[in-house]
PDB file of all heavy atoms in Angstrom:
ATOM      1  N   VAL A   1     114.165  19.866  48.354  1.00  0.00           N
ATOM      2  CA  VAL A   1     113.802  18.510  47.960  1.00  0.00           C
ATOM      3  C   VAL A   1     114.615  17.484  48.749  1.00  0.00           C
ATOM      4  O   VAL A   1     115.620  17.804  49.393  1.00  0.00           O
ATOM      5  CB  VAL A   1     114.034  18.281  46.452  1.00  0.00           C
ATOM      6  CG1 VAL A   1     113.244  19.273  45.625  1.00  0.00           C
ATOM      7  CG2 VAL A   1     115.520  18.337  46.107  1.00  0.00           C
ATOM      8  N   ARG A   2     114.165  16.244  48.693  1.00  0.00           N
ATOM      9  CA  ARG A   2     114.948  15.096  49.151  1.00  0.00           C
ATOM     10  C   ARG A   2     115.496  14.423  47.898  1.00  0.00           C
ATOM     11  O   ARG A   2     114.728  14.000  47.031  1.00  0.00           O
ATOM     12  CB  ARG A   2     114.065  14.138  49.963  1.00  0.00           C
ATOM     13  CG  ARG A   2     113.583  14.738  51.287  1.00  0.00           C
ATOM     14  CD  ARG A   2     112.606  13.824  52.008  1.00  0.00           C
ATOM     15  NE  ARG A   2     111.353  13.694  51.279  1.00  0.00           N
ATOM     16  CZ  ARG A   2     110.872  12.551  50.794  1.00  0.00           C
ATOM     17  NH1 ARG A   2     111.560  11.431  50.953  1.00  0.00           N
ATOM     18  NH2 ARG A   2     109.720  12.521  50.172  1.00  0.00           N
ATOM     19  N   ALA A   3     116.797  14.328  47.787  1.00  0.00           N
ATOM     20  CA  ALA A   3     117.417  13.951  46.522  1.00  0.00           C
ATOM     21  C   ALA A   3     118.254  12.687  46.646  1.00  0.00           C
ATOM     22  O   ALA A   3     118.903  12.450  47.673  1.00  0.00           O
ATOM     23  CB  ALA A   3     118.291  15.097  45.990  1.00  0.00           C
ATOM     24  N   VAL A   4     118.231  11.915  45.578  1.00  0.00           N
ATOM     25  CA  VAL A   4     119.103  10.757  45.421  1.00  0.00           C
ATOM     26  C   VAL A   4     119.908  10.970  44.145  1.00  0.00           C
ATOM     27  O   VAL A   4     119.339  11.207  43.077  1.00  0.00           O
ATOM     28  CB  VAL A   4     118.309   9.440  45.323  1.00  0.00           C
ATOM     29  CG1 VAL A   4     119.244   8.274  44.978  1.00  0.00           C
ATOM     30  CG2 VAL A   4     117.561   9.161  46.613  1.00  0.00           C
ATOM     31  N   GLY A   5     121.227  10.898  44.271  1.00  0.00           N
ATOM     32  CA  GLY A   5     122.095  11.000  43.107  1.00  0.00           C
ATOM     33  C   GLY A   5     122.799   9.675  42.891  1.00  0.00           C
ATOM     34  O   GLY A   5     123.277   9.066  43.850  1.00  0.00           O
ATOM     35  N   ILE A   6     122.852   9.217  41.637  1.00  0.00           N
ATOM     36  CA  ILE A   6     123.527   7.954  41.351  1.00  0.00           C
ATOM     37  C   ILE A   6     124.657   8.172  40.351  1.00  0.00           C
ATOM     38  O   ILE A   6     124.573   9.004  39.451  1.00  0.00           O
ATOM     39  CB  ILE A   6     122.560   6.878  40.811  1.00  0.00           C
ATOM     40  CG1 ILE A   6     121.928   7.320  39.480  1.00  0.00           C
ATOM     41  CG2 ILE A   6     121.498   6.546  41.840  1.00  0.00           C
ATOM     42  CD1 ILE A   6     121.165   6.207  38.775  1.00  0.00           C
ATOM     43  N   THR A   7     125.732   7.429  40.553  1.00  0.00           N
ATOM     44  CA  THR A   7     126.874   7.417  39.652  1.00  0.00           C
ATOM     45  C   THR A   7     127.498   6.035  39.720  1.00  0.00           C
ATOM     46  O   THR A   7     127.380   5.349  40.749  1.00  0.00           O
ATOM     47  CB  THR A   7     127.916   8.488  40.033  1.00  0.00           C
ATOM     48  OG1 THR A   7     129.086   8.325  39.206  1.00  0.00           O
ATOM     49  CG2 THR A   7     128.347   8.373  41.487  1.00  0.00           C
ATOM     50  N   VAL A   8     128.177   5.620  38.653  1.00  0.00           N
ATOM     51  CA  VAL A   8     128.891   4.333  38.708  1.00  0.00           C
ATOM     52  C   VAL A   8     130.364   4.538  39.033  1.00  0.00           C
ATOM     53  O   VAL A   8     131.122   3.586  39.085  1.00  0.00           O
ATOM     54  CB  VAL A   8     128.742   3.536  37.385  1.00  0.00           C
ATOM     55  CG1 VAL A   8     127.281   3.190  37.143  1.00  0.00           C
ATOM     56  CG2 VAL A   8     129.331   4.295  36.201  1.00  0.00           C
ATOM     57  N   SER A   9     130.763   5.777  39.263  1.00  0.00           N
ATOM     58  CA  SER A   9     132.150   6.085  39.605  1.00  0.00           C
ATOM     59  C   SER A   9     132.311   6.174  41.122  1.00  0.00           C
ATOM     60  O   SER A   9     131.715   7.034  41.770  1.00  0.00           O
ATOM     61  CB  SER A   9     132.581   7.410  38.963  1.00  0.00           C
ATOM     62  OG  SER A   9     133.807   7.856  39.497  1.00  0.00           O
ATOM     63  N   GLU A  10     133.124   5.292  41.667  1.00  0.00           N
ATOM     64  CA  GLU A  10     133.383   5.310  43.108  1.00  0.00           C
ATOM     65  C   GLU A  10     134.033   6.623  43.544  1.00  0.00           C
ATOM     66  O   GLU A  10     133.706   7.169  44.603  1.00  0.00           O
ATOM     67  CB  GLU A  10     134.286   4.131  43.491  1.00  0.00           C
ATOM     68  CG  GLU A  10     133.648   2.762  43.296  1.00  0.00           C
ATOM     69  CD  GLU A  10     132.776   2.349  44.458  1.00  0.00           C
ATOM     70  OE1 GLU A  10     132.647   3.150  45.398  1.00  0.00           O
ATOM     71  OE2 GLU A  10     132.239   1.225  44.420  1.00  0.00           O
ATOM     72  N   ARG A  11     134.948   7.122  42.728  1.00  0.00           N
ATOM     73  CA  ARG A  11     135.650   8.359  43.101  1.00  0.00           C
ATOM     74  C   ARG A  11     134.706   9.545  43.098  1.00  0.00           C
ATOM     75  O   ARG A  11     134.786  10.423  43.960  1.00  0.00           O
ATOM     76  CB  ARG A  11     136.824   8.591  42.155  1.00  0.00           C
ATOM     77  CG  ARG A  11     137.959   7.587  42.310  1.00  0.00           C
ATOM     78  CD  ARG A  11     139.202   8.048  41.598  1.00  0.00           C
ATOM     79  NE  ARG A  11     140.275   7.074  41.676  1.00  0.00           N
ATOM     80  CZ  ARG A  11     141.491   7.246  41.177  1.00  0.00           C
ATOM     81  NH1 ARG A  11     141.789   8.378  40.548  1.00  0.00           N
ATOM     82  NH2 ARG A  11     142.405   6.315  41.281  1.00  0.00           N
ATOM     83  N   GLN A  12     133.816   9.607  42.110  1.00  0.00           N
ATOM     84  CA  GLN A  12     132.827  10.673  42.117  1.00  0.00           C
ATOM     85  C   GLN A  12     131.958  10.594  43.362  1.00  0.00           C
ATOM     86  O   GLN A  12     131.701  11.606  44.020  1.00  0.00           O
ATOM     87  CB  GLN A  12     131.937  10.569  40.875  1.00  0.00           C
ATOM     88  CG  GLN A  12     132.517  11.177  39.622  1.00  0.00           C
ATOM     89  CD  GLN A  12     131.486  11.272  38.515  1.00  0.00           C
ATOM     90  OE1 GLN A  12     130.535  10.500  38.475  1.00  0.00           O
ATOM     91  NE2 GLN A  12     131.672  12.208  37.611  1.00  0.00           N
ATOM     92  N   ALA A  13     131.477   9.400  43.668  1.00  0.00           N
ATOM     93  CA  ALA A  13     130.590   9.236  44.817  1.00  0.00           C
ATOM     94  C   ALA A  13     131.273   9.642  46.112  1.00  0.00           C
ATOM     95  O   ALA A  13     130.662  10.283  46.986  1.00  0.00           O
ATOM     96  CB  ALA A  13     130.114   7.786  44.899  1.00  0.00           C
ATOM     97  N   GLU A  14     132.532   9.280  46.252  1.00  0.00           N
ATOM     98  CA  GLU A  14     133.283   9.629  47.464  1.00  0.00           C
ATOM     99  C   GLU A  14     133.323  11.138  47.672  1.00  0.00           C
ATOM    100  O   GLU A  14     133.037  11.640  48.774  1.00  0.00           O
ATOM    101  CB  GLU A  14     134.700   9.073  47.357  1.00  0.00           C
ATOM    102  CG  GLU A  14     135.594   9.387  48.543  1.00  0.00           C
ATOM    103  CD  GLU A  14     137.014   8.868  48.356  1.00  0.00           C
ATOM    104  OE1 GLU A  14     137.253   8.102  47.407  1.00  0.00           O
ATOM    105  OE2 GLU A  14     137.887   9.253  49.166  1.00  0.00           O
ATOM    106  N   LEU A  15     133.660  11.881  46.616  1.00  0.00           N
ATOM    107  CA  LEU A  15     133.730  13.328  46.755  1.00  0.00           C
ATOM    108  C   LEU A  15     132.342  13.946  46.856  1.00  0.00           C
ATOM    109  O   LEU A  15     132.138  14.918  47.593  1.00  0.00           O
ATOM    110  CB  LEU A  15     134.504  13.931  45.568  1.00  0.00           C
ATOM    111  CG  LEU A  15     134.678  15.453  45.581  1.00  0.00           C
ATOM    112  CD1 LEU A  15     135.298  15.932  46.889  1.00  0.00           C
ATOM    113  CD2 LEU A  15     135.527  15.908  44.389  1.00  0.00           C
ATOM    114  N   ALA A  16     131.370  13.404  46.133  1.00  0.00           N
ATOM    115  CA  ALA A  16     130.006  13.932  46.215  1.00  0.00           C
ATOM    116  C   ALA A  16     129.473  13.823  47.644  1.00  0.00           C
ATOM    117  O   ALA A  16     128.849  14.766  48.165  1.00  0.00           O
ATOM    118  CB  ALA A  16     129.096  13.186  45.243  1.00  0.00           C
ATOM    119  N   ARG A  17     129.705  12.691  48.300  1.00  0.00           N
ATOM    120  CA  ARG A  17     129.248  12.536  49.688  1.00  0.00           C
ATOM    121  C   ARG A  17     129.936  13.522  50.618  1.00  0.00           C
ATOM    122  O   ARG A  17     129.312  14.091  51.519  1.00  0.00           O
ATOM    123  CB  ARG A  17     129.507  11.102  50.142  1.00  0.00           C
ATOM    124  CG  ARG A  17     128.606  10.076  49.485  1.00  0.00           C
ATOM    125  CD  ARG A  17     129.085   8.666  49.747  1.00  0.00           C
ATOM    126  NE  ARG A  17     128.241   7.678  49.079  1.00  0.00           N
ATOM    127  CZ  ARG A  17     128.688   6.527  48.579  1.00  0.00           C
ATOM    128  NH1 ARG A  17     129.978   6.209  48.712  1.00  0.00           N
ATOM    129  NH2 ARG A  17     127.863   5.695  47.986  1.00  0.00           N
ATOM    130  N   GLU A  18     131.221  13.729  50.382  1.00  0.00           N
ATOM    131  CA  GLU A  18     131.959  14.708  51.191  1.00  0.00           C
ATOM    132  C   GLU A  18     131.370  16.098  51.021  1.00  0.00           C
ATOM    133  O   GLU A  18     131.184  16.839  52.003  1.00  0.00           O
ATOM    134  CB  GLU A  18     133.428  14.682  50.776  1.00  0.00           C
ATOM    135  CG  GLU A  18     134.303  15.691  51.497  1.00  0.00           C
ATOM    136  CD  GLU A  18     135.725  15.702  50.954  1.00  0.00           C
ATOM    137  OE1 GLU A  18     136.252  14.608  50.629  1.00  0.00           O
ATOM    138  OE2 GLU A  18     136.308  16.804  50.837  1.00  0.00           O
ATOM    139  N   ARG A  19     131.047  16.474  49.791  1.00  0.00           N
ATOM    140  CA  ARG A  19     130.487  17.807  49.532  1.00  0.00           C
ATOM    141  C   ARG A  19     129.093  17.942  50.144  1.00  0.00           C
ATOM    142  O   ARG A  19     128.720  19.017  50.623  1.00  0.00           O
ATOM    143  CB  ARG A  19     130.447  18.073  48.030  1.00  0.00           C
ATOM    144  CG  ARG A  19     131.822  18.084  47.372  1.00  0.00           C
ATOM    145  CD  ARG A  19     131.703  18.281  45.869  1.00  0.00           C
ATOM    146  NE  ARG A  19     131.362  19.655  45.541  1.00  0.00           N
ATOM    147  CZ  ARG A  19     130.573  20.011  44.541  1.00  0.00           C
ATOM    148  NH1 ARG A  19     130.000  19.086  43.779  1.00  0.00           N
ATOM    149  NH2 ARG A  19     130.329  21.290  44.292  1.00  0.00           N
ATOM    150  N   VAL A  20     128.320  16.867  50.111  1.00  0.00           N
ATOM    151  CA  VAL A  20     126.992  16.889  50.725  1.00  0.00           C
ATOM    152  C   VAL A  20     127.111  17.079  52.234  1.00  0.00           C
ATOM    153  O   VAL A  20     126.386  17.888  52.841  1.00  0.00           O
ATOM    154  CB  VAL A  20     126.228  15.588  50.392  1.00  0.00           C
ATOM    155  CG1 VAL A  20     124.990  15.441  51.282  1.00  0.00           C
ATOM    156  CG2 VAL A  20     125.824  15.568  48.919  1.00  0.00           C
ATOM    157  N   ARG A  21     128.047  16.362  52.856  1.00  0.00           N
ATOM    158  CA  ARG A  21     128.244  16.517  54.312  1.00  0.00           C
ATOM    159  C   ARG A  21     128.701  17.924  54.641  1.00  0.00           C
ATOM    160  O   ARG A  21     128.219  18.540  55.604  1.00  0.00           O
ATOM    161  CB  ARG A  21     129.272  15.496  54.803  1.00  0.00           C
ATOM    162  CG  ARG A  21     128.773  14.056  54.814  1.00  0.00           C
ATOM    163  CD  ARG A  21     129.716  13.166  55.617  1.00  0.00           C
ATOM    164  NE  ARG A  21     131.059  13.139  55.030  1.00  0.00           N
ATOM    165  CZ  ARG A  21     131.471  12.260  54.139  1.00  0.00           C
ATOM    166  NH1 ARG A  21     130.638  11.321  53.683  1.00  0.00           N
ATOM    167  NH2 ARG A  21     132.714  12.284  53.673  1.00  0.00           N
ATOM    168  N   ASP A  22     129.629  18.454  53.857  1.00  0.00           N
ATOM    169  CA  ASP A  22     130.143  19.796  54.116  1.00  0.00           C
ATOM    170  C   ASP A  22     129.041  20.851  54.020  1.00  0.00           C
ATOM    171  O   ASP A  22     129.117  21.891  54.693  1.00  0.00           O
ATOM    172  CB  ASP A  22     131.270  20.132  53.138  1.00  0.00           C
ATOM    173  CG  ASP A  22     132.538  19.331  53.401  1.00  0.00           C
ATOM    174  OD1 ASP A  22     132.635  18.715  54.481  1.00  0.00           O
ATOM    175  OD2 ASP A  22     133.426  19.321  52.519  1.00  0.00           O
ATOM    176  N   ALA A  23     128.057  20.590  53.171  1.00  0.00           N
ATOM    177  CA  ALA A  23     126.953  21.544  53.015  1.00  0.00           C
ATOM    178  C   ALA A  23     125.865  21.338  54.062  1.00  0.00           C
ATOM    179  O   ALA A  23     124.864  22.068  54.068  1.00  0.00           O
ATOM    180  CB  ALA A  23     126.358  21.417  51.612  1.00  0.00           C
ATOM    181  N   GLY A  24     126.032  20.346  54.943  1.00  0.00           N
ATOM    182  CA  GLY A  24     125.035  20.085  55.976  1.00  0.00           C
ATOM    183  C   GLY A  24     123.753  19.495  55.429  1.00  0.00           C
ATOM    184  O   GLY A  24     122.671  19.708  55.997  1.00  0.00           O
ATOM    185  N   LEU A  25     123.841  18.717  54.353  1.00  0.00           N
ATOM    186  CA  LEU A  25     122.655  18.210  53.676  1.00  0.00           C
ATOM    187  C   LEU A  25     122.548  16.686  53.713  1.00  0.00           C
ATOM    188  O   LEU A  25     121.774  16.090  52.963  1.00  0.00           O
ATOM    189  CB  LEU A  25     122.650  18.671  52.210  1.00  0.00           C
ATOM    190  CG  LEU A  25     122.578  20.180  51.987  1.00  0.00           C
ATOM    191  CD1 LEU A  25     122.855  20.507  50.519  1.00  0.00           C
ATOM    192  CD2 LEU A  25     121.204  20.703  52.394  1.00  0.00           C
TER     193      LEU A  25
END
């Protein structure tokens, strides 16, 4: 799928983006 994830936590978003990049996604 093509996914959009939303959160109001800046710290969560920062790590989530890092994990997405690490997974090549």
